Protein backbone atom coordinates (compact mmCIF):
# COMPACT_ATOMS: atom_id res chain seq x y z
CA MET A 1 7.44 -3.22 -3.07
CA LYS A 2 10.58 -5.53 -2.24
CA ASN A 3 10.05 -6.33 1.24
CA LYS A 4 7.44 -8.82 2.22
CA VAL A 5 4.66 -7.06 4.16
CA ASP A 6 3.53 -8.85 7.39
CA THR A 7 -0.25 -9.30 7.23
CA THR A 8 -0.58 -11.43 10.27
CA THR A 9 -2.22 -8.48 12.27
CA TRP A 10 -4.27 -7.22 9.47
CA GLN A 11 -8.13 -7.35 10.02
CA ASN A 12 -11.11 -7.76 7.88
CA PHE A 13 -13.35 -4.81 7.19
CA ASN A 14 -16.58 -5.05 5.19
CA ILE A 15 -16.41 -2.76 2.04
CA SER A 16 -19.90 -1.29 2.90
CA ASP A 17 -18.53 0.09 6.20
CA LEU A 18 -15.90 1.89 4.46
CA PHE A 19 -17.71 3.18 1.20
CA ASP A 20 -21.23 4.20 0.07
CA ILE A 21 -21.65 1.92 -2.93
CA LYS A 22 -23.87 3.01 -5.86
CA GLY A 23 -24.01 2.75 -9.55
CA SER A 24 -22.81 5.56 -11.79
CA LYS A 25 -24.91 7.43 -14.47
CA THR A 26 -24.63 5.64 -17.77
CA THR A 27 -23.28 7.90 -20.57
CA SER A 28 -22.98 6.63 -24.27
CA LEU A 29 -20.29 7.30 -26.71
CA LEU A 30 -22.67 9.11 -28.98
CA GLU A 31 -23.54 11.60 -26.35
CA LEU A 32 -19.90 12.12 -25.39
CA GLN A 33 -19.18 12.71 -29.15
CA GLU A 34 -21.48 15.74 -29.15
CA TYR A 35 -19.55 17.26 -26.16
CA GLY A 36 -16.11 16.71 -27.72
CA VAL A 37 -12.79 15.67 -26.60
CA GLY A 38 -11.82 17.09 -23.21
CA GLY A 39 -10.28 16.69 -19.87
CA PHE A 40 -12.65 14.38 -18.06
CA PRO A 41 -12.10 10.49 -18.33
CA PHE A 42 -14.73 8.25 -19.63
CA ILE A 43 -14.62 5.22 -17.45
CA THR A 44 -15.66 1.89 -18.86
CA THR A 45 -15.45 -1.91 -17.82
CA GLN A 46 -12.03 -2.31 -19.49
CA ALA A 47 -9.06 -3.50 -17.13
CA ALA A 48 -6.65 -1.19 -18.59
CA ASN A 49 -5.75 2.55 -18.62
CA ASN A 50 -7.35 3.09 -15.35
CA GLY A 51 -10.55 2.03 -16.81
CA ALA A 52 -10.45 5.22 -19.09
CA GLU A 53 -11.33 4.78 -22.74
CA GLY A 54 -10.94 8.36 -23.70
CA PHE A 55 -11.21 11.97 -22.41
CA TYR A 56 -14.29 14.19 -23.07
CA ASN A 57 -15.70 17.70 -22.29
CA PHE A 58 -18.52 16.19 -19.92
CA SER A 59 -18.69 14.70 -16.53
CA THR A 60 -21.47 13.15 -14.45
CA GLU A 61 -19.44 11.94 -11.29
CA LYS A 62 -17.39 13.54 -8.87
CA GLY A 63 -13.71 12.45 -8.31
CA GLY A 64 -11.98 11.19 -5.20
CA VAL A 65 -13.71 7.85 -5.35
CA LEU A 66 -13.09 4.18 -6.56
CA THR A 67 -14.78 2.48 -9.50
CA VAL A 68 -15.31 -1.11 -9.86
CA ASP A 69 -16.29 -3.02 -13.21
CA SER A 70 -19.34 -5.02 -12.37
CA ALA A 71 -19.55 -6.64 -16.02
CA VAL A 72 -16.32 -8.49 -16.48
CA LEU A 73 -13.49 -8.89 -14.05
CA GLY A 74 -14.36 -6.59 -10.97
CA TYR A 75 -11.33 -4.33 -11.93
CA CYS A 76 -11.00 -1.40 -9.54
CA SER A 77 -9.28 1.83 -10.11
CA TYR A 78 -9.05 5.02 -8.53
CA GLN A 79 -10.71 8.32 -10.05
CA ASP A 80 -9.05 11.48 -8.79
CA ALA A 81 -10.77 13.69 -11.28
CA ASP A 82 -14.61 14.11 -12.20
CA PHE A 83 -15.56 11.64 -14.79
CA SER A 84 -18.38 10.09 -16.79
CA ALA A 85 -19.03 6.25 -17.15
CA SER A 86 -20.40 3.55 -19.30
CA ASP A 87 -22.92 0.95 -18.01
CA ARG A 88 -21.94 -1.48 -15.21
CA VAL A 89 -19.46 0.84 -13.39
CA GLU A 90 -20.05 1.03 -9.77
CA VAL A 91 -18.89 4.02 -7.64
CA LEU A 92 -17.40 3.55 -4.09
CA THR A 93 -17.54 6.92 -2.41
CA PRO A 94 -15.37 6.73 0.97
CA LYS A 95 -16.86 7.37 4.31
CA PHE A 96 -13.40 8.50 5.58
CA GLU A 97 -10.83 10.93 4.24
CA MET A 98 -9.21 9.08 1.42
CA THR A 99 -5.96 10.51 0.34
CA LYS A 100 -4.32 9.35 -2.92
CA ASN A 101 -1.91 7.29 -1.20
CA ILE A 102 -4.62 5.55 0.68
CA ALA A 103 -6.71 5.10 -2.58
CA MET A 104 -3.59 3.61 -4.39
CA PHE A 105 -3.33 1.09 -1.61
CA LEU A 106 -6.94 0.17 -1.67
CA VAL A 107 -6.98 -0.29 -5.38
CA VAL A 108 -4.29 -3.05 -5.09
CA ILE A 109 -6.06 -4.70 -2.12
CA MET A 110 -9.46 -4.73 -4.03
CA ASN A 111 -7.76 -5.98 -7.23
CA LYS A 112 -6.47 -9.07 -5.33
CA GLU A 113 -10.04 -10.02 -4.92
CA GLN A 114 -10.86 -10.35 -8.70
CA TYR A 115 -10.53 -14.21 -8.34
CA ARG A 116 -13.88 -14.12 -6.69
CA TYR A 117 -15.62 -12.78 -9.74
CA GLY A 118 -16.29 -14.38 -13.01
CA TYR A 119 -18.68 -15.15 -15.68
CA GLY A 120 -21.51 -16.18 -13.35
CA CYS A 121 -20.51 -14.03 -10.53
CA LYS A 122 -20.05 -10.40 -11.35
CA ALA A 123 -18.92 -7.56 -8.86
CA SER A 124 -22.37 -6.12 -8.38
CA GLN A 125 -23.32 -3.61 -5.90
CA GLU A 126 -25.14 -6.35 -3.59
CA ARG A 127 -21.78 -8.63 -3.79
CA LEU A 128 -19.38 -5.72 -3.13
CA LYS A 129 -21.69 -4.80 0.03
CA SER A 130 -21.39 -8.30 1.21
CA ARG A 131 -17.47 -8.42 0.79
CA SER A 132 -14.61 -7.61 3.19
CA ILE A 133 -11.13 -6.72 2.59
CA LYS A 134 -8.10 -7.29 4.74
CA LEU A 135 -6.26 -3.97 5.95
CA PRO A 136 -3.64 -3.01 8.45
CA ALA A 137 -5.59 -2.16 11.97
CA LYS A 138 -5.09 -0.40 14.95
CA ASN A 139 -7.64 -0.45 17.73
CA ASP A 140 -9.97 -2.52 15.58
CA LYS A 141 -10.18 0.14 12.88
CA PRO A 142 -8.12 0.64 9.54
CA ASP A 143 -4.58 2.06 10.31
CA TRP A 144 -4.89 4.83 7.76
CA ASN A 145 -1.68 6.47 9.02
CA PHE A 146 0.38 3.20 8.40
CA ILE A 147 -1.11 2.87 4.93
CA GLU A 148 -0.15 6.70 4.11
CA GLN A 149 3.22 6.13 5.31
CA PHE A 150 3.67 2.97 3.66
CA ILE A 151 2.61 4.30 0.10
CA ASP A 152 4.61 7.41 0.56
CA THR A 153 7.67 5.42 1.32
CA HIS A 154 7.39 3.18 -1.58
CA THR A 155 6.08 5.72 -4.14
CA HIS A 156 8.25 8.79 -3.55
CA ASN A 157 8.25 9.47 -7.29
CA TYR A 158 4.53 9.32 -7.76
CA ASN A 159 3.90 13.21 -7.27
CA PHE A 160 6.60 14.07 -9.88
CA ALA A 161 5.25 11.35 -12.45
CA THR A 162 1.66 13.02 -12.39
CA LYS A 163 3.17 16.52 -13.19
CA PRO A 164 2.24 18.04 -16.65
CA VAL A 165 4.87 19.35 -18.96
CA LYS A 166 3.32 22.77 -18.70
CA ASN A 167 1.89 23.95 -15.37
CA LEU A 168 -0.98 25.76 -17.24
CA PRO A 169 -4.77 25.44 -17.31
CA THR A 170 -5.90 22.96 -19.67
CA PRO A 171 -7.47 24.86 -22.67
CA GLU A 172 -11.13 24.34 -23.49
CA LEU A 173 -11.77 22.24 -26.60
CA LYS A 174 -14.14 24.00 -28.94
CA THR A 175 -14.95 21.04 -31.47
CA ALA A 176 -17.59 23.13 -33.48
CA ASP A 177 -14.72 24.53 -35.60
CA TRP A 178 -12.83 21.20 -35.96
CA GLN A 179 -12.62 19.43 -39.27
CA PHE A 180 -12.94 15.86 -40.27
CA TYR A 181 -9.86 13.94 -41.74
CA LYS A 182 -9.67 10.34 -43.06
CA LEU A 183 -7.13 8.21 -41.47
CA ASP A 184 -5.28 7.59 -44.73
CA ASP A 185 -4.87 11.46 -44.99
CA LEU A 186 -3.01 11.23 -41.66
CA PHE A 187 -1.28 7.99 -41.76
CA ASP A 188 -0.03 5.31 -44.07
CA VAL A 189 -2.43 2.60 -43.16
CA LYS A 190 -0.57 -0.62 -43.35
CA TYR A 191 -1.50 -4.51 -42.70
CA GLY A 192 0.86 -5.83 -39.80
CA VAL A 193 3.08 -8.85 -40.07
CA ASN A 194 0.28 -11.33 -39.41
CA CYS A 195 2.19 -13.76 -37.09
CA GLU A 196 0.40 -16.80 -35.51
CA LEU A 197 1.39 -17.67 -31.83
CA VAL A 198 1.55 -21.33 -32.44
CA ASN A 199 4.24 -20.69 -34.94
CA LEU A 200 6.41 -18.60 -32.46
CA GLU A 201 8.53 -19.51 -29.62
CA GLU A 202 7.17 -17.70 -26.42
CA THR A 203 9.78 -16.07 -24.17
CA THR A 204 9.65 -13.64 -21.28
CA LYS A 205 9.82 -9.90 -21.64
CA ASP A 206 13.46 -9.66 -20.43
CA GLU A 207 14.86 -12.57 -22.55
CA LYS A 208 17.33 -11.89 -25.52
CA ASN A 209 15.55 -11.32 -28.71
CA SER A 210 12.32 -11.08 -27.14
CA ILE A 211 9.62 -8.97 -29.01
CA ARG A 212 5.95 -8.27 -28.00
CA LEU A 213 3.12 -9.89 -29.99
CA VAL A 214 0.07 -7.54 -30.50
CA SER A 215 -3.36 -9.15 -31.01
CA ARG A 216 -6.85 -8.21 -31.10
CA THR A 217 -7.27 -7.79 -27.42
CA ASP A 218 -8.55 -4.42 -25.99
CA THR A 219 -6.26 -4.77 -22.75
CA ASN A 220 -2.60 -4.80 -21.75
CA ASN A 221 -1.82 -2.28 -24.68
CA GLY A 222 -2.81 -5.05 -27.14
CA ILE A 223 0.07 -7.28 -26.13
CA SER A 224 -0.80 -10.91 -25.71
CA ALA A 225 2.55 -12.46 -25.51
CA PHE A 226 6.17 -12.04 -25.81
CA VAL A 227 7.91 -14.21 -28.37
CA LYS A 228 11.44 -14.85 -29.76
CA MET A 229 12.03 -12.52 -32.91
CA GLY A 230 12.35 -14.55 -36.05
CA GLU A 231 13.30 -13.78 -39.70
CA LYS A 232 10.15 -11.61 -40.08
CA ALA A 233 10.75 -7.98 -39.89
CA PRO A 234 8.54 -6.52 -37.11
CA ASN A 235 6.30 -3.45 -37.40
CA PRO A 236 8.12 -0.17 -36.76
CA ALA A 237 8.02 1.40 -33.31
CA ASN A 238 6.12 4.69 -32.59
CA THR A 239 3.29 3.46 -34.67
CA ILE A 240 -0.31 3.01 -33.72
CA SER A 241 -1.82 -0.59 -33.67
CA VAL A 242 -5.37 -0.97 -34.65
CA ALA A 243 -7.47 -4.11 -34.50
CA SER A 244 -9.84 -4.41 -37.53
CA SER A 245 -11.77 -7.47 -36.16
CA GLY A 246 -12.35 -8.99 -32.68
CA SER A 247 -12.11 -6.12 -30.31
CA VAL A 248 -12.60 -3.75 -33.33
CA LEU A 249 -10.73 -0.35 -32.89
CA ALA A 250 -8.75 -1.57 -30.07
CA THR A 251 -6.12 1.09 -30.55
CA PHE A 252 -2.74 1.48 -28.88
CA LEU A 253 0.57 3.39 -29.10
CA GLN A 254 3.47 0.95 -29.65
CA THR A 255 6.79 2.65 -28.80
CA GLU A 256 8.84 -0.56 -29.53
CA GLU A 257 9.22 -2.57 -32.60
CA TYR A 258 6.52 -5.52 -32.53
CA TYR A 259 5.07 -8.49 -34.13
CA SER A 260 1.21 -8.48 -34.72
CA GLY A 261 -1.45 -11.16 -35.25
CA ARG A 262 -4.41 -11.47 -37.57
CA ASP A 263 -6.17 -8.45 -38.54
CA ILE A 264 -3.99 -5.93 -36.99
CA TYR A 265 -3.08 -2.88 -38.92
CA TYR A 266 -0.48 -0.24 -38.04
CA LEU A 267 -0.66 3.60 -38.51
CA GLN A 268 2.62 5.37 -39.60
CA PRO A 269 2.12 9.24 -39.30
CA LYS A 270 2.83 11.11 -42.52
CA THR A 271 3.68 14.02 -40.52
CA LYS A 272 6.32 14.20 -37.83
CA VAL A 273 4.48 14.19 -34.44
CA ASN A 274 5.38 13.30 -30.94
CA ASN A 275 3.94 10.58 -28.96
CA ALA A 276 1.71 12.83 -26.95
CA ILE A 277 -0.10 13.86 -30.33
CA LEU A 278 -0.40 10.17 -31.25
CA LEU A 279 -2.11 9.51 -27.91
CA PHE A 280 -4.70 12.26 -28.76
CA LEU A 281 -5.38 10.77 -32.06
CA ILE A 282 -5.79 7.20 -30.38
CA THR A 283 -8.49 8.69 -28.19
CA LEU A 284 -10.40 10.01 -31.27
CA ILE A 285 -9.98 6.64 -33.04
CA ARG A 286 -11.34 4.72 -30.15
CA LYS A 287 -14.43 6.81 -29.72
CA GLU A 288 -15.46 5.43 -33.14
CA LYS A 289 -15.89 2.05 -31.82
CA TYR A 290 -19.59 2.31 -31.72
CA ARG A 291 -19.64 2.04 -35.52
CA TYR A 292 -18.57 -1.59 -35.38
CA ASN A 293 -19.62 -4.77 -33.93
CA TYR A 294 -19.33 -8.55 -34.53
CA GLY A 295 -20.95 -8.37 -37.97
CA ARG A 296 -19.12 -5.15 -39.07
CA GLN A 297 -15.57 -5.21 -38.97
CA ALA A 298 -13.03 -2.52 -40.07
CA ASN A 299 -10.86 -4.19 -42.62
CA ARG A 300 -12.35 -2.39 -45.56
CA THR A 301 -13.29 0.91 -44.11
CA LEU A 302 -10.20 1.66 -41.84
CA LYS A 303 -8.55 3.88 -44.11
CA SER A 304 -11.68 5.95 -44.69
CA LEU A 305 -12.37 6.28 -41.19
CA LYS A 306 -12.77 9.86 -40.34
CA ILE A 307 -11.92 11.77 -37.21
CA LYS A 308 -12.32 15.34 -36.36
CA LEU A 309 -9.36 17.39 -35.35
CA PRO A 310 -8.51 21.14 -34.38
CA THR A 311 -7.83 22.78 -37.52
CA ARG A 312 -5.61 25.78 -38.70
CA ASP A 313 -5.31 26.85 -42.41
CA ASN A 314 -7.29 23.74 -43.27
CA LYS A 315 -4.74 21.37 -41.93
CA PRO A 316 -4.63 19.62 -38.41
CA ASP A 317 -3.30 22.08 -35.96
CA TRP A 318 -0.42 19.95 -34.39
CA ASP A 319 0.83 22.72 -32.24
CA PHE A 320 -2.59 23.23 -30.51
CA ILE A 321 -2.81 19.51 -29.86
CA LYS A 322 0.78 19.22 -28.47
CA ASN A 323 0.00 22.25 -26.18
CA PHE A 324 -3.12 20.66 -25.02
CA MET A 325 -1.58 17.26 -24.21
CA GLU A 326 1.25 19.03 -22.29
CA THR A 327 -1.23 20.60 -19.86
CA LEU A 328 -2.67 17.20 -18.73
CA PRO A 329 -1.44 15.16 -15.62
CA PHE A 330 1.24 12.55 -16.31
CA SER A 331 2.25 14.28 -19.62
CA SER A 332 5.74 14.54 -18.28
CA GLN A 333 5.91 10.78 -18.47
CA VAL A 334 4.95 10.50 -22.25
C-alpha cells in the first residue's frame, strides 16, 4: 500500500461491539493424529502461517472469523475455512457481514495493536473486550464500503492467488491404509553449516551477497537474520530445515540457499519431488512435536523419526500426495 492513508477522520470502535468474543475448543495433536491429515487447519498460538500448524481431517470451529493468540503476542489471523485450535486461541465472530476484504483489513489493524500485549499482559478475552480499534467511519459507524473498496483496489491479485492448481474437490485422506517411513528412508538427513551470528556480518535482504540465516525459531520460516555470504558453502535450496533443539521440529521449506545456526539439520529428498509434496511432508513432521520437549531433543532420533504416508506398492504414493496438494487453496502459488 504505497499511498499514505489519511486516518484523521477515523473513529474508535469497541472490539466487543463488532465481535462476539469467546474461546475455542482445545484440541490436542494426539487427537488430531487419530483423525489424520486433511483439509482443516489446526490453529495455534504461533505468529506465522496464518496461525496454522498443519491440516487435519477434523474441525471444531466455524470459519469466517478472526482468531487471536492469547498466550504470546496477540497475533490475529483470518480463518476462512472451518478449523480446530490449540489452547489459548480466542475466536472473534463478527456481528456484521464480514467479507474476505474486510477481514484482511481488520487483521492488519488488530495486529498493529500487538504492542499492547506482552509477558504480563496477554490478549485475553477480557482485555479484547475492553479494547477499541480505529476504523474509517461514516455516520458514526464503520465505513465497510470504503474498507471493501480500499482492499479490492490494493489486492486485485488476491483471488487469483488463492486458486488451487486443480479445481477439483479435495480427496478424503483415509490414513488407515497408510504406512510408516523413517525420515532417512525419504531423505538424506544432514547437519547444517552451523554458523554463529556473532561471527557473521548482518545485512538486509536486498543487499548484494545477502543470504538468510535459519535458526531454531518456529516463526518467520525459521529465518532470524540476513547475513553476508562468506567462505562457507550454504545449505542447498529446496530442502527442509529442521530444528533439533530449541523449538524442536520447527520445520520449514527453504527454497533458496541458506546458512543455518546450531542444531539445524536439513533434509534433502532422495526422490525427485516438487515443493508441494515437501510442504505435505513438513506438515507430518511438525505434528510429531509432541514427542519432544526441553529435556528431549531430536539430535539423535531425527533420522529414525517415522511419519505415516499414503502408500502404493509398498512405496510412498507421491502422485496421490501431489494431486491432493493441487486441490488446496493457494496451491497455484507453490
